[in-house]
């Protein structure tokens, strides 16, 4: 059959278009069946991946995926808006999430308080107290220099050899990875006794915090008294000699109720030639309080008392120049100034 030149002019272009269309659809179908999705790499990663690293990541992702043959059916997972990026291992996350530990020096100004300074610098009161070795927050002075760390936490000194970041973390319920990272130590590295470390996010126990802030005890007399003698050296009213007074005298009318300064258990009651009628109460953390010169004792040995429990009445028994309460605080057998421990 003879086909004219004019007819060939229309047939050839049509054939080319047909063949191109078929090739396109075949390639698209093969791509949909055989392709494996690869997680997108976040542009916000601190350490950007090079092309070489990206190829390694893609290869690892493909190996972790169930084997898929070129002819197997494979459906792309549904995309959830707002997701993406490359997952990091816990080790990578911990190192990037822990800020660098460094210290600033600050000179205290009029009006400065531990609480407000801590808030201003994004740390805790415990952090400032611990890092600067503050024994009583009421004794800080204008012009004093203190150190302010860049992250919250407290200073810890190992009690014995063999402690690790992990055991310290368990004590304070914080991250062992952070402890190891900021102190440049191994996670399971055994530490020597007496080593000082910074423990990120750790807090002081409540007893220590209240001791330092002067909020541990309540005053055993509620109102109407005055201080007739303070803790420390004084001229003894009976001998005239300079002697050390181991408590605080609170003068008030006879019969005024006396309350326990802190919850605890009565360890002893009785009579002493110097203190007259007295009550001693044992508390936590090695504390014992004594209430002396009582006119009446209203509790007994072994009784559990709270700050609302009346344990006696003010009197002038023993060596006394008039009605008052002598109040002494012992810490592990040694007396300490009550004025630094009550609110």
C-alpha atoms as a PDB file:
ATOM      1  CA  UNK A   1       0.000   0.000   0.000  1.00  0.00           C
ATOM      2  CA  UNK A   2       1.383   3.322  -0.985  1.00  0.00           C
ATOM      3  CA  UNK A   3       1.370   6.041   1.708  1.00  0.00           C
ATOM      4  CA  UNK A   4       1.809   9.535   0.537  1.00  0.00           C
ATOM      5  CA  UNK A   5       4.364  11.917   1.992  1.00  0.00           C
ATOM      6  CA  UNK A   6       1.560  14.022   3.326  1.00  0.00           C
ATOM      7  CA  UNK A   7       0.189  11.096   5.418  1.00  0.00           C
ATOM      8  CA  UNK A   8       3.643  10.211   6.829  1.00  0.00           C
ATOM      9  CA  UNK A   9       3.852  13.793   8.000  1.00  0.00           C
ATOM     10  CA  UNK A  10       1.003  13.092  10.507  1.00  0.00           C
ATOM     11  CA  UNK A  11       1.853   9.447  11.441  1.00  0.00           C
ATOM     12  CA  UNK A  12       5.480   9.892  12.622  1.00  0.00           C
ATOM     13  CA  UNK A  13       4.859  12.627  15.246  1.00  0.00           C
ATOM     14  CA  UNK A  14       1.871  10.699  16.630  1.00  0.00           C
ATOM     15  CA  UNK A  15       3.957   7.547  17.088  1.00  0.00           C
ATOM     16  CA  UNK A  16       6.689   9.445  18.924  1.00  0.00           C
ATOM     17  CA  UNK A  17       4.183  10.986  21.334  1.00  0.00           C
ATOM     18  CA  UNK A  18       2.570   7.571  21.986  1.00  0.00           C
ATOM     19  CA  UNK A  19       5.870   5.830  22.751  1.00  0.00           C
ATOM     20  CA  UNK A  20       6.977   8.657  25.095  1.00  0.00           C
ATOM     21  CA  UNK A  21       3.723   8.524  27.055  1.00  0.00           C
ATOM     22  CA  UNK A  22       3.943   4.752  27.562  1.00  0.00           C
ATOM     23  CA  UNK A  23       7.553   5.012  28.805  1.00  0.00           C
ATOM     24  CA  UNK A  24       6.609   7.709  31.305  1.00  0.00           C
ATOM     25  CA  UNK A  25       3.797   5.677  32.903  1.00  0.00           C
ATOM     26  CA  UNK A  26       5.937   2.509  33.105  1.00  0.00           C
ATOM     27  CA  UNK A  27       8.741   4.388  34.890  1.00  0.00           C
ATOM     28  CA  UNK A  28       6.311   5.988  37.327  1.00  0.00           C
ATOM     29  CA  UNK A  29       4.762   2.625  38.209  1.00  0.00           C
ATOM     30  CA  UNK A  30       8.151   0.997  38.857  1.00  0.00           C
ATOM     31  CA  UNK A  31       9.229   3.894  41.061  1.00  0.00           C
ATOM     32  CA  UNK A  32       6.092   3.640  43.226  1.00  0.00           C
ATOM     33  CA  UNK A  33       6.572  -0.124  43.753  1.00  0.00           C
ATOM     34  CA  UNK A  34      10.275  -0.252  44.474  1.00  0.00           C
ATOM     35  CA  UNK A  35      11.123   2.987  46.329  1.00  0.00           C
ATOM     36  CA  UNK A  36      11.854   3.076  50.085  1.00  0.00           C
ATOM     37  CA  UNK A  37      11.109   6.300  52.028  1.00  0.00           C
ATOM     38  CA  UNK A  38      14.142   7.952  53.677  1.00  0.00           C
ATOM     39  CA  UNK A  39      13.729  10.239  56.685  1.00  0.00           C
ATOM     40  CA  UNK A  40      14.287  13.884  55.941  1.00  0.00           C
ATOM     41  CA  UNK A  41      17.295  15.498  57.602  1.00  0.00           C
ATOM     42  CA  UNK A  42      16.376  18.438  59.806  1.00  0.00           C
ATOM     43  CA  UNK A  43      17.961  21.711  58.786  1.00  0.00           C
ATOM     44  CA  UNK A  44      18.183  22.683  62.464  1.00  0.00           C
ATOM     45  CA  UNK A  45      20.687  20.052  63.559  1.00  0.00           C
ATOM     46  CA  UNK A  46      23.685  21.585  65.284  1.00  0.00           C
ATOM     47  CA  UNK A  47      26.059  19.236  63.476  1.00  0.00           C
ATOM     48  CA  UNK A  48      25.080  19.338  59.782  1.00  0.00           C
ATOM     49  CA  UNK A  49      25.431  16.123  57.800  1.00  0.00           C
ATOM     50  CA  UNK A  50      27.724  16.049  54.785  1.00  0.00           C
ATOM     51  CA  UNK A  51      26.690  14.300  51.553  1.00  0.00           C
ATOM     52  CA  UNK A  52      28.836  11.324  52.575  1.00  0.00           C
ATOM     53  CA  UNK A  53      27.153  11.097  55.988  1.00  0.00           C
ATOM     54  CA  UNK A  54      23.743  11.426  54.424  1.00  0.00           C
ATOM     55  CA  UNK A  55      24.451   8.427  52.182  1.00  0.00           C
ATOM     56  CA  UNK A  56      25.474   6.376  55.212  1.00  0.00           C
ATOM     57  CA  UNK A  57      22.298   7.356  57.042  1.00  0.00           C
ATOM     58  CA  UNK A  58      20.165   6.450  54.033  1.00  0.00           C
ATOM     59  CA  UNK A  59      21.889   3.083  53.711  1.00  0.00           C
ATOM     60  CA  UNK A  60      21.332   2.344  57.414  1.00  0.00           C
ATOM     61  CA  UNK A  61      17.672   3.297  57.124  1.00  0.00           C
ATOM     62  CA  UNK A  62      17.236   1.001  54.126  1.00  0.00           C
ATOM     63  CA  UNK A  63      18.911  -1.931  55.934  1.00  0.00           C
ATOM     64  CA  UNK A  64      16.671  -1.460  58.962  1.00  0.00           C
ATOM     65  CA  UNK A  65      13.558  -1.567  56.777  1.00  0.00           C
ATOM     66  CA  UNK A  66      11.909  -4.907  55.948  1.00  0.00           C
ATOM     67  CA  UNK A  67      13.290  -6.281  52.691  1.00  0.00           C
ATOM     68  CA  UNK A  68      11.237  -5.152  49.717  1.00  0.00           C
ATOM     69  CA  UNK A  69      11.705  -6.625  46.265  1.00  0.00           C
ATOM     70  CA  UNK A  70      11.479  -4.527  43.173  1.00  0.00           C
ATOM     71  CA  UNK A  71       8.143  -6.139  42.295  1.00  0.00           C
ATOM     72  CA  UNK A  72       6.586  -6.005  45.788  1.00  0.00           C
ATOM     73  CA  UNK A  73       3.722  -3.664  46.562  1.00  0.00           C
ATOM     74  CA  UNK A  74       4.730  -0.920  48.986  1.00  0.00           C
ATOM     75  CA  UNK A  75       2.512   1.878  50.233  1.00  0.00           C
ATOM     76  CA  UNK A  76       3.982   5.106  51.513  1.00  0.00           C
ATOM     77  CA  UNK A  77       3.052   5.841  55.175  1.00  0.00           C
ATOM     78  CA  UNK A  78       0.527   8.563  55.867  1.00  0.00           C
ATOM     79  CA  UNK A  79       2.312  11.881  56.488  1.00  0.00           C
ATOM     80  CA  UNK A  80       1.534  13.648  59.778  1.00  0.00           C
ATOM     81  CA  UNK A  81       1.833  17.440  59.567  1.00  0.00           C
ATOM     82  CA  UNK A  82       4.580  18.931  61.755  1.00  0.00           C
ATOM     83  CA  UNK A  83       6.901  15.903  61.832  1.00  0.00           C
ATOM     84  CA  UNK A  84      10.305  15.365  60.298  1.00  0.00           C
ATOM     85  CA  UNK A  85      14.002  15.376  61.020  1.00  0.00           C
ATOM     86  CA  UNK A  86      16.509  12.674  61.812  1.00  0.00           C
ATOM     87  CA  UNK A  87      16.331  10.795  65.125  1.00  0.00           C
ATOM     88  CA  UNK A  88      19.359  11.121  67.381  1.00  0.00           C
ATOM     89  CA  UNK A  89      20.736   8.626  69.873  1.00  0.00           C
ATOM     90  CA  UNK A  90      20.347   9.360  73.638  1.00  0.00           C
ATOM     91  CA  UNK A  91      24.081  10.049  73.904  1.00  0.00           C
ATOM     92  CA  UNK A  92      23.886  12.720  71.209  1.00  0.00           C
ATOM     93  CA  UNK A  93      20.861  14.319  72.833  1.00  0.00           C
ATOM     94  CA  UNK A  94      22.389  14.451  76.312  1.00  0.00           C
ATOM     95  CA  UNK A  95      25.523  16.227  75.163  1.00  0.00           C
ATOM     96  CA  UNK A  96      23.583  18.801  73.189  1.00  0.00           C
ATOM     97  CA  UNK A  97      20.980  19.371  75.932  1.00  0.00           C
ATOM     98  CA  UNK A  98      23.406  20.016  78.806  1.00  0.00           C
ATOM     99  CA  UNK A  99      24.482  23.668  78.856  1.00  0.00           C
ATOM    100  CA  UNK A 100      28.094  24.481  79.623  1.00  0.00           C
ATOM    101  CA  UNK A 101      28.917  24.993  83.293  1.00  0.00           C
ATOM    102  CA  UNK A 102      30.686  28.257  84.039  1.00  0.00           C
ATOM    103  CA  UNK A 103      30.657  30.790  86.875  1.00  0.00           C
ATOM    104  CA  UNK A 104      30.129  34.530  87.158  1.00  0.00           C
ATOM    105  CA  UNK A 105      31.249  36.709  90.075  1.00  0.00           C
ATOM    106  CA  UNK A 106      28.637  39.043  91.564  1.00  0.00           C
ATOM    107  CA  UNK A 107      28.969  41.685  94.279  1.00  0.00           C
ATOM    108  CA  UNK A 108      25.954  41.959  96.577  1.00  0.00           C
ATOM    109  CA  UNK A 109      24.138  45.304  96.558  1.00  0.00           C
ATOM    110  CA  UNK A 110      21.612  46.810  98.984  1.00  0.00           C
ATOM    111  CA  UNK A 111      18.290  45.018  98.626  1.00  0.00           C
ATOM    112  CA  UNK A 112      19.754  41.816  97.169  1.00  0.00           C
ATOM    113  CA  UNK A 113      18.263  38.569  98.459  1.00  0.00           C
ATOM    114  CA  UNK A 114      19.159  34.970  97.671  1.00  0.00           C
ATOM    115  CA  UNK A 115      15.680  34.270  96.314  1.00  0.00           C
ATOM    116  CA  UNK A 116      15.534  37.221  93.917  1.00  0.00           C
ATOM    117  CA  UNK A 117      19.092  36.676  92.678  1.00  0.00           C
ATOM    118  CA  UNK A 118      18.334  33.041  91.940  1.00  0.00           C
ATOM    119  CA  UNK A 119      15.220  34.004  89.982  1.00  0.00           C
ATOM    120  CA  UNK A 120      17.073  36.682  88.019  1.00  0.00           C
ATOM    121  CA  UNK A 121      19.753  34.229  86.888  1.00  0.00           C
ATOM    122  CA  UNK A 122      17.446  31.272  86.205  1.00  0.00           C
ATOM    123  CA  UNK A 123      18.811  29.035  88.961  1.00  0.00           C
ATOM    124  CA  UNK A 124      17.631  27.977  92.440  1.00  0.00           C
ATOM    125  CA  UNK A 125      18.253  29.286  95.942  1.00  0.00           C
ATOM    126  CA  UNK A 126      19.821  25.915  96.719  1.00  0.00           C
ATOM    127  CA  UNK A 127      22.357  26.528  93.950  1.00  0.00           C
ATOM    128  CA  UNK A 128      23.564  29.866  95.347  1.00  0.00           C
ATOM    129  CA  UNK A 129      23.608  28.529  98.912  1.00  0.00           C
ATOM    130  CA  UNK A 130      25.560  25.392  98.012  1.00  0.00           C
ATOM    131  CA  UNK A 131      28.069  26.897  95.578  1.00  0.00           C
ATOM    132  CA  UNK A 132      28.972  29.708  97.975  1.00  0.00           C
ATOM    133  CA  UNK A 133      29.001  27.623 101.151  1.00  0.00           C
ATOM    134  CA  UNK A 134      26.416  29.850 102.824  1.00  0.00           C
ATOM    135  CA  UNK A 135      25.678  28.531 106.335  1.00  0.00           C
ATOM    136  CA  UNK A 136      22.997  31.071 107.116  1.00  0.00           C
ATOM    137  CA  UNK A 137      21.292  33.243 104.512  1.00  0.00           C
ATOM    138  CA  UNK A 138      20.744  35.989 107.099  1.00  0.00           C
ATOM    139  CA  UNK A 139      24.470  36.573 107.470  1.00  0.00           C
ATOM    140  CA  UNK A 140      25.259  37.600 103.876  1.00  0.00           C
ATOM    141  CA  UNK A 141      26.463  41.191 103.666  1.00  0.00           C
ATOM    142  CA  UNK A 142      26.432  44.089 101.205  1.00  0.00           C
ATOM    143  CA  UNK A 143      29.669  44.152  99.225  1.00  0.00           C
ATOM    144  CA  UNK A 144      30.236  40.413  99.615  1.00  0.00           C
ATOM    145  CA  UNK A 145      31.266  38.594  96.424  1.00  0.00           C
ATOM    146  CA  UNK A 146      29.436  35.415  95.453  1.00  0.00           C
ATOM    147  CA  UNK A 147      29.717  32.990  92.556  1.00  0.00           C
ATOM    148  CA  UNK A 148      26.744  32.404  90.260  1.00  0.00           C
ATOM    149  CA  UNK A 149      26.848  29.239  88.098  1.00  0.00           C
ATOM    150  CA  UNK A 150      25.301  29.069  84.652  1.00  0.00           C
ATOM    151  CA  UNK A 151      23.019  26.116  85.456  1.00  0.00           C
ATOM    152  CA  UNK A 152      21.015  25.029  88.529  1.00  0.00           C
ATOM    153  CA  UNK A 153      22.394  22.346  90.815  1.00  0.00           C
ATOM    154  CA  UNK A 154      24.402  21.892  93.994  1.00  0.00           C
ATOM    155  CA  UNK A 155      27.954  21.055  95.012  1.00  0.00           C
ATOM    156  CA  UNK A 156      28.544  17.514  96.270  1.00  0.00           C
ATOM    157  CA  UNK A 157      31.652  16.037  97.895  1.00  0.00           C
ATOM    158  CA  UNK A 158      32.066  12.278  97.636  1.00  0.00           C
ATOM    159  CA  UNK A 159      31.795  10.553 101.007  1.00  0.00           C
ATOM    160  CA  UNK A 160      33.858   7.487 100.092  1.00  0.00           C
ATOM    161  CA  UNK A 161      35.916   6.057  97.259  1.00  0.00           C
ATOM    162  CA  UNK A 162      34.041   4.079  94.633  1.00  0.00           C
ATOM    163  CA  UNK A 163      31.090   6.433  94.169  1.00  0.00           C
ATOM    164  CA  UNK A 164      30.111   7.034  90.551  1.00  0.00           C
ATOM    165  CA  UNK A 165      28.010   9.507  88.585  1.00  0.00           C
ATOM    166  CA  UNK A 166      25.311   6.835  88.570  1.00  0.00           C
ATOM    167  CA  UNK A 167      25.214   6.359  92.355  1.00  0.00           C
ATOM    168  CA  UNK A 168      25.199  10.130  92.940  1.00  0.00           C
ATOM    169  CA  UNK A 169      22.376  10.533  90.419  1.00  0.00           C
ATOM    170  CA  UNK A 170      20.315   7.950  92.283  1.00  0.00           C
ATOM    171  CA  UNK A 171      20.871   9.815  95.560  1.00  0.00           C
ATOM    172  CA  UNK A 172      19.468  13.065  94.139  1.00  0.00           C
ATOM    173  CA  UNK A 173      17.134  11.602  91.492  1.00  0.00           C
ATOM    174  CA  UNK A 174      18.835  13.464  88.629  1.00  0.00           C
ATOM    175  CA  UNK A 175      20.546  12.565  85.339  1.00  0.00           C
ATOM    176  CA  UNK A 176      23.788  10.582  85.631  1.00  0.00           C
ATOM    177  CA  UNK A 177      24.685  11.602  82.063  1.00  0.00           C
ATOM    178  CA  UNK A 178      24.583  15.277  83.065  1.00  0.00           C
ATOM    179  CA  UNK A 179      26.744  14.708  86.129  1.00  0.00           C
ATOM    180  CA  UNK A 180      29.352  12.864  84.071  1.00  0.00           C
ATOM    181  CA  UNK A 181      29.260  15.448  81.273  1.00  0.00           C
ATOM    182  CA  UNK A 182      29.665  18.671  83.300  1.00  0.00           C
ATOM    183  CA  UNK A 183      32.385  17.155  85.489  1.00  0.00           C
ATOM    184  CA  UNK A 184      34.203  15.493  82.588  1.00  0.00           C
ATOM    185  CA  UNK A 185      33.906  12.037  84.160  1.00  0.00           C
ATOM    186  CA  UNK A 186      32.924   8.618  82.857  1.00  0.00           C
ATOM    187  CA  UNK A 187      29.440   7.376  83.683  1.00  0.00           C
ATOM    188  CA  UNK A 188      30.754   4.390  85.670  1.00  0.00           C
ATOM    189  CA  UNK A 189      34.121   5.907  86.608  1.00  0.00           C
ATOM    190  CA  UNK A 190      34.916   5.239  90.270  1.00  0.00           C
ATOM    191  CA  UNK A 191      35.594   8.487  92.115  1.00  0.00           C
ATOM    192  CA  UNK A 192      37.965   9.137  94.999  1.00  0.00           C
ATOM    193  CA  UNK A 193      36.797  10.151  98.472  1.00  0.00           C
ATOM    194  CA  UNK A 194      36.654  13.920  99.002  1.00  0.00           C
ATOM    195  CA  UNK A 195      36.190  14.820  95.325  1.00  0.00           C
ATOM    196  CA  UNK A 196      33.979  17.884  94.803  1.00  0.00           C
ATOM    197  CA  UNK A 197      31.487  17.713  91.929  1.00  0.00           C
ATOM    198  CA  UNK A 198      28.704  19.877  90.558  1.00  0.00           C
ATOM    199  CA  UNK A 199      25.412  17.950  90.388  1.00  0.00           C
ATOM    200  CA  UNK A 200      23.065  19.570  87.821  1.00  0.00           C
ATOM    201  CA  UNK A 201      19.401  19.937  88.862  1.00  0.00           C
ATOM    202  CA  UNK A 202      20.028  18.538  92.375  1.00  0.00           C
ATOM    203  CA  UNK A 203      18.456  20.215  95.412  1.00  0.00           C
ATOM    204  CA  UNK A 204      19.353  20.448  99.096  1.00  0.00           C
ATOM    205  CA  UNK A 205      17.331  18.342 101.502  1.00  0.00           C
ATOM    206  CA  UNK A 206      14.595  20.307 103.225  1.00  0.00           C
ATOM    207  CA  UNK A 207      16.277  20.189 106.638  1.00  0.00           C
ATOM    208  CA  UNK A 208      19.477  21.764 105.333  1.00  0.00           C
ATOM    209  CA  UNK A 209      17.487  24.383 103.438  1.00  0.00           C
ATOM    210  CA  UNK A 210      15.491  25.344 106.519  1.00  0.00           C
ATOM    211  CA  UNK A 211      18.607  25.412 108.687  1.00  0.00           C
ATOM    212  CA  UNK A 212      20.301  27.835 106.322  1.00  0.00           C
ATOM    213  CA  UNK A 213      17.245  30.026 105.847  1.00  0.00           C
ATOM    214  CA  UNK A 214      16.502  30.070 109.595  1.00  0.00           C
ATOM    215  CA  UNK A 215      13.109  28.402 109.227  1.00  0.00           C
ATOM    216  CA  UNK A 216      13.713  25.082 110.999  1.00  0.00           C
ATOM    217  CA  UNK A 217      12.189  25.895 114.412  1.00  0.00           C
ATOM    218  CA  UNK A 218       9.181  27.832 115.628  1.00  0.00           C
ATOM    219  CA  UNK A 219       9.582  29.979 118.713  1.00  0.00           C
ATOM    220  CA  UNK A 220       8.441  28.106 121.834  1.00  0.00           C
ATOM    221  CA  UNK A 221       6.619  31.181 123.145  1.00  0.00           C
ATOM    222  CA  UNK A 222       4.005  32.710 120.899  1.00  0.00           C
ATOM    223  CA  UNK A 223       3.998  36.367 122.004  1.00  0.00           C
ATOM    224  CA  UNK A 224       4.428  38.860 124.829  1.00  0.00           C
ATOM    225  CA  UNK A 225       8.029  37.996 125.742  1.00  0.00           C
ATOM    226  CA  UNK A 226      11.321  39.855 125.498  1.00  0.00           C
ATOM    227  CA  UNK A 227      14.886  38.550 125.275  1.00  0.00           C
ATOM    228  CA  UNK A 228      16.553  38.948 128.665  1.00  0.00           C
ATOM    229  CA  UNK A 229      19.765  37.120 127.698  1.00  0.00           C
ATOM    230  CA  UNK A 230      21.183  35.997 124.350  1.00  0.00           C
ATOM    231  CA  UNK A 231      23.303  33.055 123.222  1.00  0.00           C
ATOM    232  CA  UNK A 232      27.017  33.611 123.768  1.00  0.00           C
ATOM    233  CA  UNK A 233      29.398  35.136 126.277  1.00  0.00           C
ATOM    234  CA  UNK A 234      27.912  37.229 129.097  1.00  0.00           C
ATOM    235  CA  UNK A 235      28.420  38.350 132.678  1.00  0.00           C
ATOM    236  CA  UNK A 236      26.915  35.612 134.837  1.00  0.00           C
ATOM    237  CA  UNK A 237      24.121  37.123 137.022  1.00  0.00           C
ATOM    238  CA  UNK A 238      25.069  34.905 139.996  1.00  0.00           C
ATOM    239  CA  UNK A 239      28.868  34.729 139.933  1.00  0.00           C
ATOM    240  CA  UNK A 240      29.633  37.982 138.136  1.00  0.00           C
ATOM    241  CA  UNK A 241      32.189  36.157 135.997  1.00  0.00           C
ATOM    242  CA  UNK A 242      32.282  36.057 132.215  1.00  0.00           C
ATOM    243  CA  UNK A 243      30.683  32.759 131.184  1.00  0.00           C
ATOM    244  CA  UNK A 244      29.164  31.279 128.045  1.00  0.00           C
ATOM    245  CA  UNK A 245      25.367  31.187 127.931  1.00  0.00           C
ATOM    246  CA  UNK A 246      24.272  28.168 125.886  1.00  0.00           C
ATOM    247  CA  UNK A 247      20.747  29.305 125.077  1.00  0.00           C
ATOM    248  CA  UNK A 248      18.343  32.228 124.853  1.00  0.00           C
ATOM    249  CA  UNK A 249      16.338  33.541 127.810  1.00  0.00           C
ATOM    250  CA  UNK A 250      12.795  34.712 126.998  1.00  0.00           C
ATOM    251  CA  UNK A 251      11.229  36.673 129.879  1.00  0.00           C
ATOM    252  CA  UNK A 252       7.451  36.505 130.308  1.00  0.00           C
ATOM    253  CA  UNK A 253       4.824  35.992 133.012  1.00  0.00           C
ATOM    254  CA  UNK A 254       4.766  32.792 135.051  1.00  0.00           C
ATOM    255  CA  UNK A 255       2.308  30.212 133.732  1.00  0.00           C
ATOM    256  CA  UNK A 256       2.644  31.206 130.046  1.00  0.00           C
ATOM    257  CA  UNK A 257       2.289  28.088 127.805  1.00  0.00           C
ATOM    258  CA  UNK A 258       5.497  26.642 126.335  1.00  0.00           C
ATOM    259  CA  UNK A 259       5.287  24.737 123.028  1.00  0.00           C
ATOM    260  CA  UNK A 260       7.668  22.360 121.251  1.00  0.00           C
ATOM    261  CA  UNK A 261       9.778  24.276 118.733  1.00  0.00           C
ATOM    262  CA  UNK A 262       9.787  21.361 116.266  1.00  0.00           C
ATOM    263  CA  UNK A 263       8.009  18.026 115.963  1.00  0.00           C
ATOM    264  CA  UNK A 264       9.783  15.261 117.856  1.00  0.00           C
ATOM    265  CA  UNK A 265       9.717  12.867 120.789  1.00  0.00           C
ATOM    266  CA  UNK A 266      10.274  13.797 124.436  1.00  0.00           C
ATOM    267  CA  UNK A 267      13.616  12.252 125.420  1.00  0.00           C
ATOM    268  CA  UNK A 268      13.636  13.306 129.075  1.00  0.00           C
ATOM    269  CA  UNK A 269      11.932  15.424 131.721  1.00  0.00           C
ATOM    270  CA  UNK A 270      12.983  16.193 135.274  1.00  0.00           C
ATOM    271  CA  UNK A 271      14.806  18.474 137.661  1.00  0.00           C
ATOM    272  CA  UNK A 272      18.256  20.071 137.492  1.00  0.00           C
ATOM    273  CA  UNK A 273      19.803  22.320 140.134  1.00  0.00           C
ATOM    274  CA  UNK A 274      20.698  24.909 137.478  1.00  0.00           C
ATOM    275  CA  UNK A 275      17.836  24.533 134.990  1.00  0.00           C
ATOM    276  CA  UNK A 276      15.077  23.638 137.448  1.00  0.00           C
ATOM    277  CA  UNK A 277      12.177  21.784 135.835  1.00  0.00           C
ATOM    278  CA  UNK A 278      13.115  20.990 132.257  1.00  0.00           C
ATOM    279  CA  UNK A 279      11.938  19.109 129.162  1.00  0.00           C
ATOM    280  CA  UNK A 280      14.155  17.788 126.355  1.00  0.00           C
ATOM    281  CA  UNK A 281      12.762  16.868 122.928  1.00  0.00           C
ATOM    282  CA  UNK A 282      14.687  14.846 120.315  1.00  0.00           C
ATOM    283  CA  UNK A 283      14.142  15.792 116.676  1.00  0.00           C
ATOM    284  CA  UNK A 284      15.424  14.601 113.313  1.00  0.00           C
ATOM    285  CA  UNK A 285      18.935  15.218 111.974  1.00  0.00           C
ATOM    286  CA  UNK A 286      20.613  15.128 115.388  1.00  0.00           C
ATOM    287  CA  UNK A 287      18.684  18.050 116.904  1.00  0.00           C
ATOM    288  CA  UNK A 288      17.577  18.217 120.560  1.00  0.00           C
ATOM    289  CA  UNK A 289      15.834  21.165 122.214  1.00  0.00           C
ATOM    290  CA  UNK A 290      15.664  21.963 125.936  1.00  0.00           C
ATOM    291  CA  UNK A 291      13.064  24.067 127.766  1.00  0.00           C
ATOM    292  CA  UNK A 292      14.158  25.049 131.289  1.00  0.00           C
ATOM    293  CA  UNK A 293      13.064  26.855 134.500  1.00  0.00           C
ATOM    294  CA  UNK A 294       9.491  25.591 133.984  1.00  0.00           C
ATOM    295  CA  UNK A 295       6.902  26.027 136.708  1.00  0.00           C
ATOM    296  CA  UNK A 296       5.011  23.008 135.396  1.00  0.00           C
ATOM    297  CA  UNK A 297       5.724  20.092 133.044  1.00  0.00           C
ATOM    298  CA  UNK A 298       2.733  18.993 130.952  1.00  0.00           C
ATOM    299  CA  UNK A 299       4.246  16.127 128.956  1.00  0.00           C
ATOM    300  CA  UNK A 300       6.139  12.910 129.697  1.00  0.00           C
ATOM    301  CA  UNK A 301       9.110  10.956 128.407  1.00  0.00           C
ATOM    302  CA  UNK A 302       8.403   9.087 125.152  1.00  0.00           C
ATOM    303  CA  UNK A 303       5.495  11.307 124.110  1.00  0.00           C
ATOM    304  CA  UNK A 304       5.400  12.483 120.491  1.00  0.00           C
ATOM    305  CA  UNK A 305       4.932  16.248 120.312  1.00  0.00           C
ATOM    306  CA  UNK A 306       4.332  18.801 117.544  1.00  0.00           C
ATOM    307  CA  UNK A 307       4.686  22.571 117.398  1.00  0.00           C
ATOM    308  CA  UNK A 308       1.076  22.752 118.636  1.00  0.00           C
ATOM    309  CA  UNK A 309       1.766  20.636 121.728  1.00  0.00           C
ATOM    310  CA  UNK A 310       1.977  22.401 125.079  1.00  0.00           C
ATOM    311  CA  UNK A 311       4.871  20.801 126.976  1.00  0.00           C
ATOM    312  CA  UNK A 312       5.011  23.055 130.043  1.00  0.00           C
ATOM    313  CA  UNK A 313       4.543  26.481 131.583  1.00  0.00           C
ATOM    314  CA  UNK A 314       7.004  29.314 132.183  1.00  0.00           C
ATOM    315  CA  UNK A 315       8.454  29.511 135.684  1.00  0.00           C
ATOM    316  CA  UNK A 316      11.513  30.524 137.690  1.00  0.00           C
ATOM    317  CA  UNK A 317      12.794  27.210 139.042  1.00  0.00           C
ATOM    318  CA  UNK A 318      16.510  26.401 139.449  1.00  0.00           C
ATOM    319  CA  UNK A 319      19.019  29.258 139.154  1.00  0.00           C
ATOM    320  CA  UNK A 320      16.784  32.072 137.945  1.00  0.00           C
ATOM    321  CA  UNK A 321      16.338  35.754 138.685  1.00  0.00           C
ATOM    322  CA  UNK A 322      12.688  35.798 137.584  1.00  0.00           C
ATOM    323  CA  UNK A 323      10.072  34.101 135.378  1.00  0.00           C
ATOM    324  CA  UNK A 324      11.493  33.234 131.963  1.00  0.00           C
ATOM    325  CA  UNK A 325      12.069  30.355 129.563  1.00  0.00           C
ATOM    326  CA  UNK A 326      15.617  29.207 128.904  1.00  0.00           C
ATOM    327  CA  UNK A 327      15.683  27.647 125.408  1.00  0.00           C
ATOM    328  CA  UNK A 328      18.690  25.641 124.159  1.00  0.00           C
ATOM    329  CA  UNK A 329      19.245  23.907 120.799  1.00  0.00           C
ATOM    330  CA  UNK A 330      21.733  21.027 120.465  1.00  0.00           C
ATOM    331  CA  UNK A 331      23.016  19.708 117.142  1.00  0.00           C
ATOM    332  CA  UNK A 332      24.768  16.349 117.492  1.00  0.00           C
ATOM    333  CA  UNK A 333      25.465  17.101 121.141  1.00  0.00           C
ATOM    334  CA  UNK A 334      26.797  20.649 120.667  1.00  0.00           C
ATOM    335  CA  UNK A 335      24.836  23.816 121.365  1.00  0.00           C
ATOM    336  CA  UNK A 336      24.036  26.233 118.552  1.00  0.00           C
ATOM    337  CA  UNK A 337      22.439  29.686 118.405  1.00  0.00           C
ATOM    338  CA  UNK A 338      18.631  29.281 118.280  1.00  0.00           C
ATOM    339  CA  UNK A 339      18.244  32.716 116.723  1.00  0.00           C
ATOM    340  CA  UNK A 340      19.809  31.412 113.507  1.00  0.00           C
ATOM    341  CA  UNK A 341      17.339  28.549 113.219  1.00  0.00           C
ATOM    342  CA  UNK A 342      13.899  29.942 113.968  1.00  0.00           C
ATOM    343  CA  UNK A 343      11.496  32.158 112.091  1.00  0.00           C
END
